[in-house]
Amino acid sequence: MITNIVTLKAKPGMEGEMAELLKSYIAQISDEEGTLTYTLLQAKKDPTEFIFYEVYKDKAAMELHGSTPLFKEVMMEKVVPFLAGKPQMTFCDIVASKE
């Protein structure tokens, strides 16, 4: 499995619109092959900070997710005007988990 944590920072005042866009995006990828977990979080301390917690079956599944037309349309085009900086990505190994 491959785990990725992506942090997006919205421009102040745009967090509500960005949240709605990201929620609608997640609803559209629910049947994506090999995407095991795709969770959107919003930081309590800083509501302009959004965090994706992503778990993929393998590298091929992660690459498939990033190459879909929907990903390119939403994450590479529609989200960009809301961003207050570059997304931060952290690839992780799952050490322990409780589902």
PDB file of N, CA and C in Angstrom:
ATOM      1  N   MET A   1       0.841  -1.193   0.000  1.00  0.00           N
ATOM      2  CA  MET A   1       0.000   0.000   0.000  1.00  0.00           C
ATOM      3  C   MET A   1       0.879   1.248   0.000  1.00  0.00           C
ATOM      4  N   ILE A   2       0.324   2.291  -0.567  1.00  0.00           N
ATOM      5  CA  ILE A   2       0.998   3.591  -0.587  1.00  0.00           C
ATOM      6  C   ILE A   2       0.072   4.602   0.079  1.00  0.00           C
ATOM      7  N   THR A   3       0.614   5.334   1.018  1.00  0.00           N
ATOM      8  CA  THR A   3      -0.146   6.370   1.715  1.00  0.00           C
ATOM      9  C   THR A   3       0.458   7.727   1.395  1.00  0.00           C
ATOM     10  N   ASN A   4      -0.411   8.681   1.151  1.00  0.00           N
ATOM     11  CA  ASN A   4       0.009  10.028   0.815  1.00  0.00           C
ATOM     12  C   ASN A   4      -0.820  11.006   1.635  1.00  0.00           C
ATOM     13  N   ILE A   5      -0.171  11.998   2.183  1.00  0.00           N
ATOM     14  CA  ILE A   5      -0.869  13.079   2.879  1.00  0.00           C
ATOM     15  C   ILE A   5      -0.582  14.353   2.097  1.00  0.00           C
ATOM     16  N   VAL A   6      -1.655  15.000   1.645  1.00  0.00           N
ATOM     17  CA  VAL A   6      -1.518  16.215   0.847  1.00  0.00           C
ATOM     18  C   VAL A   6      -2.174  17.350   1.610  1.00  0.00           C
ATOM     19  N   THR A   7      -1.431  18.440   1.786  1.00  0.00           N
ATOM     20  CA  THR A   7      -1.955  19.608   2.479  1.00  0.00           C
ATOM     21  C   THR A   7      -2.120  20.750   1.478  1.00  0.00           C
ATOM     22  N   LEU A   8      -3.333  21.289   1.444  1.00  0.00           N
ATOM     23  CA  LEU A   8      -3.655  22.426   0.585  1.00  0.00           C
ATOM     24  C   LEU A   8      -4.027  23.594   1.482  1.00  0.00           C
ATOM     25  N   LYS A   9      -3.575  24.758   1.129  1.00  0.00           N
ATOM     26  CA  LYS A   9      -3.874  25.967   1.903  1.00  0.00           C
ATOM     27  C   LYS A   9      -4.717  26.888   1.020  1.00  0.00           C
ATOM     28  N   ALA A  10      -5.930  27.197   1.475  1.00  0.00           N
ATOM     29  CA  ALA A  10      -6.817  28.087   0.731  1.00  0.00           C
ATOM     30  C   ALA A  10      -6.480  29.543   1.041  1.00  0.00           C
ATOM     31  N   LYS A  11      -6.752  30.395   0.084  1.00  0.00           N
ATOM     32  CA  LYS A  11      -6.631  31.829   0.339  1.00  0.00           C
ATOM     33  C   LYS A  11      -7.681  32.196   1.387  1.00  0.00           C
ATOM     34  N   PRO A  12      -7.341  33.103   2.314  1.00  0.00           N
ATOM     35  CA  PRO A  12      -8.308  33.499   3.345  1.00  0.00           C
ATOM     36  C   PRO A  12      -9.626  33.967   2.720  1.00  0.00           C
ATOM     37  N   GLY A  13     -10.719  33.489   3.281  1.00  0.00           N
ATOM     38  CA  GLY A  13     -12.040  33.839   2.786  1.00  0.00           C
ATOM     39  C   GLY A  13     -12.551  32.928   1.684  1.00  0.00           C
ATOM     40  N   MET A  14     -11.696  32.062   1.158  1.00  0.00           N
ATOM     41  CA  MET A  14     -12.105  31.169   0.075  1.00  0.00           C
ATOM     42  C   MET A  14     -12.263  29.724   0.548  1.00  0.00           C
ATOM     43  N   GLU A  15     -12.100  29.495   1.848  1.00  0.00           N
ATOM     44  CA  GLU A  15     -12.130  28.119   2.351  1.00  0.00           C
ATOM     45  C   GLU A  15     -13.493  27.447   2.176  1.00  0.00           C
ATOM     46  N   GLY A  16     -14.573  28.186   2.282  1.00  0.00           N
ATOM     47  CA  GLY A  16     -15.908  27.597   2.106  1.00  0.00           C
ATOM     48  C   GLY A  16     -16.112  27.081   0.687  1.00  0.00           C
ATOM     49  N   GLU A  17     -15.762  27.895  -0.290  1.00  0.00           N
ATOM     50  CA  GLU A  17     -15.902  27.490  -1.697  1.00  0.00           C
ATOM     51  C   GLU A  17     -14.973  26.315  -2.019  1.00  0.00           C
ATOM     52  N   MET A  18     -13.758  26.373  -1.482  1.00  0.00           N
ATOM     53  CA  MET A  18     -12.810  25.301  -1.736  1.00  0.00           C
ATOM     54  C   MET A  18     -13.301  24.001  -1.113  1.00  0.00           C
ATOM     55  N   ALA A  19     -13.860  24.062   0.075  1.00  0.00           N
ATOM     56  CA  ALA A  19     -14.395  22.873   0.740  1.00  0.00           C
ATOM     57  C   ALA A  19     -15.492  22.238  -0.103  1.00  0.00           C
ATOM     58  N   GLU A  20     -16.391  23.032  -0.632  1.00  0.00           N
ATOM     59  CA  GLU A  20     -17.478  22.508  -1.455  1.00  0.00           C
ATOM     60  C   GLU A  20     -16.949  21.854  -2.724  1.00  0.00           C
ATOM     61  N   LEU A  21     -15.972  22.483  -3.368  1.00  0.00           N
ATOM     62  CA  LEU A  21     -15.369  21.922  -4.572  1.00  0.00           C
ATOM     63  C   LEU A  21     -14.702  20.580  -4.272  1.00  0.00           C
ATOM     64  N   LEU A  22     -13.941  20.527  -3.185  1.00  0.00           N
ATOM     65  CA  LEU A  22     -13.236  19.291  -2.834  1.00  0.00           C
ATOM     66  C   LEU A  22     -14.204  18.191  -2.423  1.00  0.00           C
ATOM     67  N   LYS A  23     -15.279  18.528  -1.718  1.00  0.00           N
ATOM     68  CA  LYS A  23     -16.277  17.526  -1.334  1.00  0.00           C
ATOM     69  C   LYS A  23     -16.957  16.945  -2.572  1.00  0.00           C
ATOM     70  N   SER A  24     -17.288  17.789  -3.534  1.00  0.00           N
ATOM     71  CA  SER A  24     -17.937  17.281  -4.748  1.00  0.00           C
ATOM     72  C   SER A  24     -16.977  16.405  -5.550  1.00  0.00           C
ATOM     73  N   TYR A  25     -15.690  16.729  -5.503  1.00  0.00           N
ATOM     74  CA  TYR A  25     -14.677  15.925  -6.190  1.00  0.00           C
ATOM     75  C   TYR A  25     -14.611  14.529  -5.579  1.00  0.00           C
ATOM     76  N   ILE A  26     -14.569  14.438  -4.262  1.00  0.00           N
ATOM     77  CA  ILE A  26     -14.485  13.143  -3.587  1.00  0.00           C
ATOM     78  C   ILE A  26     -15.702  12.278  -3.918  1.00  0.00           C
ATOM     79  N   ALA A  27     -16.863  12.883  -3.997  1.00  0.00           N
ATOM     80  CA  ALA A  27     -18.071  12.125  -4.326  1.00  0.00           C
ATOM     81  C   ALA A  27     -17.961  11.471  -5.707  1.00  0.00           C
ATOM     82  N   GLN A  28     -17.212  12.086  -6.602  1.00  0.00           N
ATOM     83  CA  GLN A  28     -17.083  11.580  -7.970  1.00  0.00           C
ATOM     84  C   GLN A  28     -16.028  10.486  -8.117  1.00  0.00           C
ATOM     85  N   ILE A  29     -15.141  10.318  -7.139  1.00  0.00           N
ATOM     86  CA  ILE A  29     -14.090   9.305  -7.279  1.00  0.00           C
ATOM     87  C   ILE A  29     -14.344   8.065  -6.434  1.00  0.00           C
ATOM     88  N   SER A  30     -15.542   7.922  -5.904  1.00  0.00           N
ATOM     89  CA  SER A  30     -15.826   6.827  -4.976  1.00  0.00           C
ATOM     90  C   SER A  30     -15.616   5.437  -5.580  1.00  0.00           C
ATOM     91  N   ASP A  31     -15.729   5.296  -6.876  1.00  0.00           N
ATOM     92  CA  ASP A  31     -15.573   3.983  -7.510  1.00  0.00           C
ATOM     93  C   ASP A  31     -14.197   3.791  -8.144  1.00  0.00           C
ATOM     94  N   GLU A  32     -13.269   4.635  -7.841  1.00  0.00           N
ATOM     95  CA  GLU A  32     -11.948   4.570  -8.463  1.00  0.00           C
ATOM     96  C   GLU A  32     -11.198   3.308  -8.028  1.00  0.00           C
ATOM     97  N   GLU A  33     -10.819   2.492  -8.986  1.00  0.00           N
ATOM     98  CA  GLU A  33     -10.115   1.222  -8.739  1.00  0.00           C
ATOM     99  C   GLU A  33      -8.790   1.461  -8.013  1.00  0.00           C
ATOM    100  N   GLY A  34      -8.571   0.758  -6.910  1.00  0.00           N
ATOM    101  CA  GLY A  34      -7.295   0.812  -6.204  1.00  0.00           C
ATOM    102  C   GLY A  34      -7.155   1.948  -5.206  1.00  0.00           C
ATOM    103  N   THR A  35      -8.112   2.870  -5.179  1.00  0.00           N
ATOM    104  CA  THR A  35      -8.098   3.933  -4.171  1.00  0.00           C
ATOM    105  C   THR A  35      -8.858   3.395  -2.964  1.00  0.00           C
ATOM    106  N   LEU A  36      -8.127   3.058  -1.918  1.00  0.00           N
ATOM    107  CA  LEU A  36      -8.718   2.408  -0.753  1.00  0.00           C
ATOM    108  C   LEU A  36      -9.317   3.406   0.230  1.00  0.00           C
ATOM    109  N   THR A  37      -8.626   4.496   0.454  1.00  0.00           N
ATOM    110  CA  THR A  37      -9.092   5.548   1.363  1.00  0.00           C
ATOM    111  C   THR A  37      -8.771   6.898   0.732  1.00  0.00           C
ATOM    112  N   TYR A  38      -9.745   7.801   0.774  1.00  0.00           N
ATOM    113  CA  TYR A  38      -9.529   9.146   0.248  1.00  0.00           C
ATOM    114  C   TYR A  38     -10.349  10.070   1.134  1.00  0.00           C
ATOM    115  N   THR A  39      -9.730  10.589   2.160  1.00  0.00           N
ATOM    116  CA  THR A  39     -10.420  11.364   3.184  1.00  0.00           C
ATOM    117  C   THR A  39      -9.964  12.819   3.148  1.00  0.00           C
ATOM    118  N   LEU A  40     -10.921  13.723   3.206  1.00  0.00           N
ATOM    119  CA  LEU A  40     -10.628  15.153   3.258  1.00  0.00           C
ATOM    120  C   LEU A  40     -10.847  15.641   4.677  1.00  0.00           C
ATOM    121  N   LEU A  41      -9.845  16.317   5.225  1.00  0.00           N
ATOM    122  CA  LEU A  41      -9.909  16.903   6.573  1.00  0.00           C
ATOM    123  C   LEU A  41      -9.726  18.415   6.459  1.00  0.00           C
ATOM    124  N   GLN A  42     -10.298  19.139   7.406  1.00  0.00           N
ATOM    125  CA  GLN A  42     -10.088  20.580   7.501  1.00  0.00           C
ATOM    126  C   GLN A  42      -9.582  20.867   8.912  1.00  0.00           C
ATOM    127  N   ALA A  43      -8.470  21.569   8.993  1.00  0.00           N
ATOM    128  CA  ALA A  43      -7.846  21.840  10.287  1.00  0.00           C
ATOM    129  C   ALA A  43      -8.741  22.741  11.140  1.00  0.00           C
ATOM    130  N   LYS A  44      -8.886  22.390  12.403  1.00  0.00           N
ATOM    131  CA  LYS A  44      -9.666  23.219  13.328  1.00  0.00           C
ATOM    132  C   LYS A  44      -8.938  24.521  13.664  1.00  0.00           C
ATOM    133  N   LYS A  45      -7.635  24.415  13.853  1.00  0.00           N
ATOM    134  CA  LYS A  45      -6.852  25.590  14.244  1.00  0.00           C
ATOM    135  C   LYS A  45      -6.760  26.607  13.101  1.00  0.00           C
ATOM    136  N   ASP A  46      -6.692  26.107  11.864  1.00  0.00           N
ATOM    137  CA  ASP A  46      -6.581  26.973  10.692  1.00  0.00           C
ATOM    138  C   ASP A  46      -7.521  26.450   9.611  1.00  0.00           C
ATOM    139  N   PRO A  47      -8.756  26.966   9.525  1.00  0.00           N
ATOM    140  CA  PRO A  47      -9.737  26.435   8.581  1.00  0.00           C
ATOM    141  C   PRO A  47      -9.378  26.645   7.105  1.00  0.00           C
ATOM    142  N   THR A  48      -8.312  27.362   6.824  1.00  0.00           N
ATOM    143  CA  THR A  48      -7.871  27.485   5.430  1.00  0.00           C
ATOM    144  C   THR A  48      -7.008  26.289   5.024  1.00  0.00           C
ATOM    145  N   GLU A  49      -6.696  25.404   5.976  1.00  0.00           N
ATOM    146  CA  GLU A  49      -5.842  24.244   5.707  1.00  0.00           C
ATOM    147  C   GLU A  49      -6.690  22.987   5.514  1.00  0.00           C
ATOM    148  N   PHE A  50      -6.529  22.376   4.349  1.00  0.00           N
ATOM    149  CA  PHE A  50      -7.221  21.135   4.006  1.00  0.00           C
ATOM    150  C   PHE A  50      -6.187  20.038   3.855  1.00  0.00           C
ATOM    151  N   ILE A  51      -6.523  18.864   4.357  1.00  0.00           N
ATOM    152  CA  ILE A  51      -5.587  17.741   4.343  1.00  0.00           C
ATOM    153  C   ILE A  51      -6.290  16.537   3.731  1.00  0.00           C
ATOM    154  N   PHE A  52      -5.676  15.978   2.707  1.00  0.00           N
ATOM    155  CA  PHE A  52      -6.147  14.721   2.136  1.00  0.00           C
ATOM    156  C   PHE A  52      -5.329  13.586   2.737  1.00  0.00           C
ATOM    157  N   TYR A  53      -6.016  12.560   3.208  1.00  0.00           N
ATOM    158  CA  TYR A  53      -5.378  11.327   3.659  1.00  0.00           C
ATOM    159  C   TYR A  53      -5.754  10.276   2.622  1.00  0.00           C
ATOM    160  N   GLU A  54      -4.764   9.806   1.880  1.00  0.00           N
ATOM    161  CA  GLU A  54      -4.996   8.919   0.748  1.00  0.00           C
ATOM    162  C   GLU A  54      -4.255   7.602   0.947  1.00  0.00           C
ATOM    163  N   VAL A  55      -4.948   6.497   0.699  1.00  0.00           N
ATOM    164  CA  VAL A  55      -4.310   5.184   0.735  1.00  0.00           C
ATOM    165  C   VAL A  55      -4.661   4.473  -0.571  1.00  0.00           C
ATOM    166  N   TYR A  56      -3.624   4.015  -1.236  1.00  0.00           N
ATOM    167  CA  TYR A  56      -3.777   3.326  -2.514  1.00  0.00           C
ATOM    168  C   TYR A  56      -3.291   1.888  -2.393  1.00  0.00           C
ATOM    169  N   LYS A  57      -3.895   1.011  -3.182  1.00  0.00           N
ATOM    170  CA  LYS A  57      -3.516  -0.401  -3.200  1.00  0.00           C
ATOM    171  C   LYS A  57      -2.042  -0.567  -3.552  1.00  0.00           C
ATOM    172  N   ASP A  58      -1.567   0.221  -4.512  1.00  0.00           N
ATOM    173  CA  ASP A  58      -0.180   0.143  -4.961  1.00  0.00           C
ATOM    174  C   ASP A  58       0.162   1.394  -5.774  1.00  0.00           C
ATOM    175  N   LYS A  59       1.390   1.451  -6.256  1.00  0.00           N
ATOM    176  CA  LYS A  59       1.855   2.613  -7.009  1.00  0.00           C
ATOM    177  C   LYS A  59       1.033   2.816  -8.278  1.00  0.00           C
ATOM    178  N   ALA A  60       0.664   1.729  -8.932  1.00  0.00           N
ATOM    179  CA  ALA A  60      -0.135   1.831 -10.158  1.00  0.00           C
ATOM    180  C   ALA A  60      -1.479   2.496  -9.883  1.00  0.00           C
ATOM    181  N   ALA A  61      -2.112   2.163  -8.761  1.00  0.00           N
ATOM    182  CA  ALA A  61      -3.397   2.771  -8.397  1.00  0.00           C
ATOM    183  C   ALA A  61      -3.236   4.262  -8.129  1.00  0.00           C
ATOM    184  N   MET A  62      -2.153   4.643  -7.459  1.00  0.00           N
ATOM    185  CA  MET A  62      -1.902   6.054  -7.190  1.00  0.00           C
ATOM    186  C   MET A  62      -1.668   6.812  -8.501  1.00  0.00           C
ATOM    187  N   GLU A  63      -0.903   6.204  -9.400  1.00  0.00           N
ATOM    188  CA  GLU A  63      -0.641   6.843 -10.691  1.00  0.00           C
ATOM    189  C   GLU A  63      -1.912   6.944 -11.528  1.00  0.00           C
ATOM    190  N   LEU A  64      -2.753   5.925 -11.451  1.00  0.00           N
ATOM    191  CA  LEU A  64      -4.033   5.975 -12.159  1.00  0.00           C
ATOM    192  C   LEU A  64      -4.871   7.142 -11.647  1.00  0.00           C
ATOM    193  N   HIS A  65      -4.960   7.280 -10.336  1.00  0.00           N
ATOM    194  CA  HIS A  65      -5.727   8.382  -9.733  1.00  0.00           C
ATOM    195  C   HIS A  65      -5.235   9.734 -10.254  1.00  0.00           C
ATOM    196  N   GLY A  66      -3.930   9.926 -10.261  1.00  0.00           N
ATOM    197  CA  GLY A  66      -3.359  11.207 -10.689  1.00  0.00           C
ATOM    198  C   GLY A  66      -3.418  11.469 -12.177  1.00  0.00           C
ATOM    199  N   SER A  67      -3.785  10.457 -12.960  1.00  0.00           N
ATOM    200  CA  SER A  67      -3.824  10.637 -14.417  1.00  0.00           C
ATOM    201  C   SER A  67      -5.233  10.744 -14.977  1.00  0.00           C
ATOM    202  N   THR A  68      -6.241  10.652 -14.113  1.00  0.00           N
ATOM    203  CA  THR A  68      -7.613  10.697 -14.624  1.00  0.00           C
ATOM    204  C   THR A  68      -7.975  12.103 -15.097  1.00  0.00           C
ATOM    205  N   PRO A  69      -8.857  12.195 -16.092  1.00  0.00           N
ATOM    206  CA  PRO A  69      -9.314  13.512 -16.545  1.00  0.00           C
ATOM    207  C   PRO A  69      -9.956  14.319 -15.411  1.00  0.00           C
ATOM    208  N   LEU A  70     -10.686  13.638 -14.520  1.00  0.00           N
ATOM    209  CA  LEU A  70     -11.322  14.341 -13.400  1.00  0.00           C
ATOM    210  C   LEU A  70     -10.282  14.968 -12.482  1.00  0.00           C
ATOM    211  N   PHE A  71      -9.219  14.214 -12.141  1.00  0.00           N
ATOM    212  CA  PHE A  71      -8.153  14.755 -11.295  1.00  0.00           C
ATOM    213  C   PHE A  71      -7.547  15.990 -11.958  1.00  0.00           C
ATOM    214  N   LYS A  72      -7.234  15.883 -13.230  1.00  0.00           N
ATOM    215  CA  LYS A  72      -6.609  17.001 -13.941  1.00  0.00           C
ATOM    216  C   LYS A  72      -7.530  18.213 -13.981  1.00  0.00           C
ATOM    217  N   GLU A  73      -8.818  17.978 -14.226  1.00  0.00           N
ATOM    218  CA  GLU A  73      -9.775  19.085 -14.296  1.00  0.00           C
ATOM    219  C   GLU A  73      -9.936  19.784 -12.950  1.00  0.00           C
ATOM    220  N   VAL A  74     -10.148  18.988 -11.899  1.00  0.00           N
ATOM    221  CA  VAL A  74     -10.439  19.586 -10.588  1.00  0.00           C
ATOM    222  C   VAL A  74      -9.168  20.043  -9.882  1.00  0.00           C
ATOM    223  N   MET A  75      -8.223  19.130  -9.697  1.00  0.00           N
ATOM    224  CA  MET A  75      -7.052  19.439  -8.872  1.00  0.00           C
ATOM    225  C   MET A  75      -6.010  20.293  -9.594  1.00  0.00           C
ATOM    226  N   MET A  76      -5.935  20.204 -10.898  1.00  0.00           N
ATOM    227  CA  MET A  76      -4.912  20.958 -11.622  1.00  0.00           C
ATOM    228  C   MET A  76      -5.454  22.258 -12.220  1.00  0.00           C
ATOM    229  N   GLU A  77      -6.793  22.394 -12.284  1.00  0.00           N
ATOM    230  CA  GLU A  77      -7.369  23.597 -12.871  1.00  0.00           C
ATOM    231  C   GLU A  77      -8.298  24.346 -11.914  1.00  0.00           C
ATOM    232  N   LYS A  78      -9.359  23.682 -11.461  1.00  0.00           N
ATOM    233  CA  LYS A  78     -10.378  24.373 -10.663  1.00  0.00           C
ATOM    234  C   LYS A  78      -9.903  24.772  -9.275  1.00  0.00           C
ATOM    235  N   VAL A  79      -9.052  23.976  -8.645  1.00  0.00           N
ATOM    236  CA  VAL A  79      -8.601  24.266  -7.279  1.00  0.00           C
ATOM    237  C   VAL A  79      -7.542  25.380  -7.266  1.00  0.00           C
ATOM    238  N   VAL A  80      -6.766  25.484  -8.317  1.00  0.00           N
ATOM    239  CA  VAL A  80      -5.625  26.408  -8.353  1.00  0.00           C
ATOM    240  C   VAL A  80      -5.977  27.839  -7.941  1.00  0.00           C
ATOM    241  N   PRO A  81      -7.081  28.438  -8.427  1.00  0.00           N
ATOM    242  CA  PRO A  81      -7.385  29.828  -8.023  1.00  0.00           C
ATOM    243  C   PRO A  81      -7.643  30.005  -6.525  1.00  0.00           C
ATOM    244  N   PHE A  82      -7.958  28.919  -5.819  1.00  0.00           N
ATOM    245  CA  PHE A  82      -8.235  28.989  -4.384  1.00  0.00           C
ATOM    246  C   PHE A  82      -6.975  28.867  -3.528  1.00  0.00           C
ATOM    247  N   LEU A  83      -5.888  28.401  -4.116  1.00  0.00           N
ATOM    248  CA  LEU A  83      -4.691  28.070  -3.342  1.00  0.00           C
ATOM    249  C   LEU A  83      -3.862  29.285  -2.939  1.00  0.00           C
ATOM    250  N   ALA A  84      -3.346  29.233  -1.715  1.00  0.00           N
ATOM    251  CA  ALA A  84      -2.464  30.280  -1.189  1.00  0.00           C
ATOM    252  C   ALA A  84      -1.008  29.815  -1.206  1.00  0.00           C
ATOM    253  N   GLY A  85      -0.697  28.840  -2.022  1.00  0.00           N
ATOM    254  CA  GLY A  85       0.662  28.309  -2.109  1.00  0.00           C
ATOM    255  C   GLY A  85       0.628  26.935  -2.748  1.00  0.00           C
ATOM    256  N   LYS A  86       1.802  26.339  -2.863  1.00  0.00           N
ATOM    257  CA  LYS A  86       1.899  25.008  -3.467  1.00  0.00           C
ATOM    258  C   LYS A  86       1.394  23.936  -2.504  1.00  0.00           C
ATOM    259  N   PRO A  87       0.722  22.919  -3.038  1.00  0.00           N
ATOM    260  CA  PRO A  87       0.347  21.784  -2.183  1.00  0.00           C
ATOM    261  C   PRO A  87       1.595  21.100  -1.626  1.00  0.00           C
ATOM    262  N   GLN A  88       1.501  20.607  -0.409  1.00  0.00           N
ATOM    263  CA  GLN A  88       2.592  19.871   0.229  1.00  0.00           C
ATOM    264  C   GLN A  88       2.216  18.395   0.249  1.00  0.00           C
ATOM    265  N   MET A  89       3.115  17.538  -0.236  1.00  0.00           N
ATOM    266  CA  MET A  89       2.848  16.099  -0.273  1.00  0.00           C
ATOM    267  C   MET A  89       3.837  15.362   0.617  1.00  0.00           C
ATOM    268  N   THR A  90       3.319  14.401   1.391  1.00  0.00           N
ATOM    269  CA  THR A  90       4.154  13.564   2.233  1.00  0.00           C
ATOM    270  C   THR A  90       3.764  12.110   2.000  1.00  0.00           C
ATOM    271  N   PHE A  91       4.670  11.337   1.457  1.00  0.00           N
ATOM    272  CA  PHE A  91       4.436   9.900   1.258  1.00  0.00           C
ATOM    273  C   PHE A  91       4.836   9.172   2.529  1.00  0.00           C
ATOM    274  N   CYS A  92       4.012   8.218   2.950  1.00  0.00           N
ATOM    275  CA  CYS A  92       4.206   7.546   4.228  1.00  0.00           C
ATOM    276  C   CYS A  92       4.067   6.039   4.088  1.00  0.00           C
ATOM    277  N   ASP A  93       4.636   5.319   5.038  1.00  0.00           N
ATOM    278  CA  ASP A  93       4.393   3.894   5.216  1.00  0.00           C
ATOM    279  C   ASP A  93       3.483   3.752   6.419  1.00  0.00           C
ATOM    280  N   ILE A  94       2.470   2.904   6.302  1.00  0.00           N
ATOM    281  CA  ILE A  94       1.602   2.631   7.439  1.00  0.00           C
ATOM    282  C   ILE A  94       2.344   1.706   8.392  1.00  0.00           C
ATOM    283  N   VAL A  95       2.540   2.143   9.607  1.00  0.00           N
ATOM    284  CA  VAL A  95       3.222   1.354  10.621  1.00  0.00           C
ATOM    285  C   VAL A  95       2.212   0.540  11.423  1.00  0.00           C
ATOM    286  N   ALA A  96       1.090   1.157  11.758  1.00  0.00           N
ATOM    287  CA  ALA A  96       0.019   0.477  12.488  1.00  0.00           C
ATOM    288  C   ALA A  96      -1.275   1.212  12.182  1.00  0.00           C
ATOM    289  N   SER A  97      -2.387   0.496  12.261  1.00  0.00           N
ATOM    290  CA  SER A  97      -3.668   1.114  11.928  1.00  0.00           C
ATOM    291  C   SER A  97      -4.797   0.377  12.638  1.00  0.00           C
ATOM    292  N   LYS A  98      -5.850   1.106  12.947  1.00  0.00           N
ATOM    293  CA  LYS A  98      -7.071   0.511  13.458  1.00  0.00           C
ATOM    294  C   LYS A  98      -8.201   1.099  12.629  1.00  0.00           C
ATOM    295  N   GLU A  99      -8.896   0.264  11.909  1.00  0.00           N
ATOM    296  CA  GLU A  99     -10.005   0.710  11.052  1.00  0.00           C
ATOM    297  C   GLU A  99     -11.306   0.587  11.784  1.00  0.00           C
TER     298      GLU A  99
END
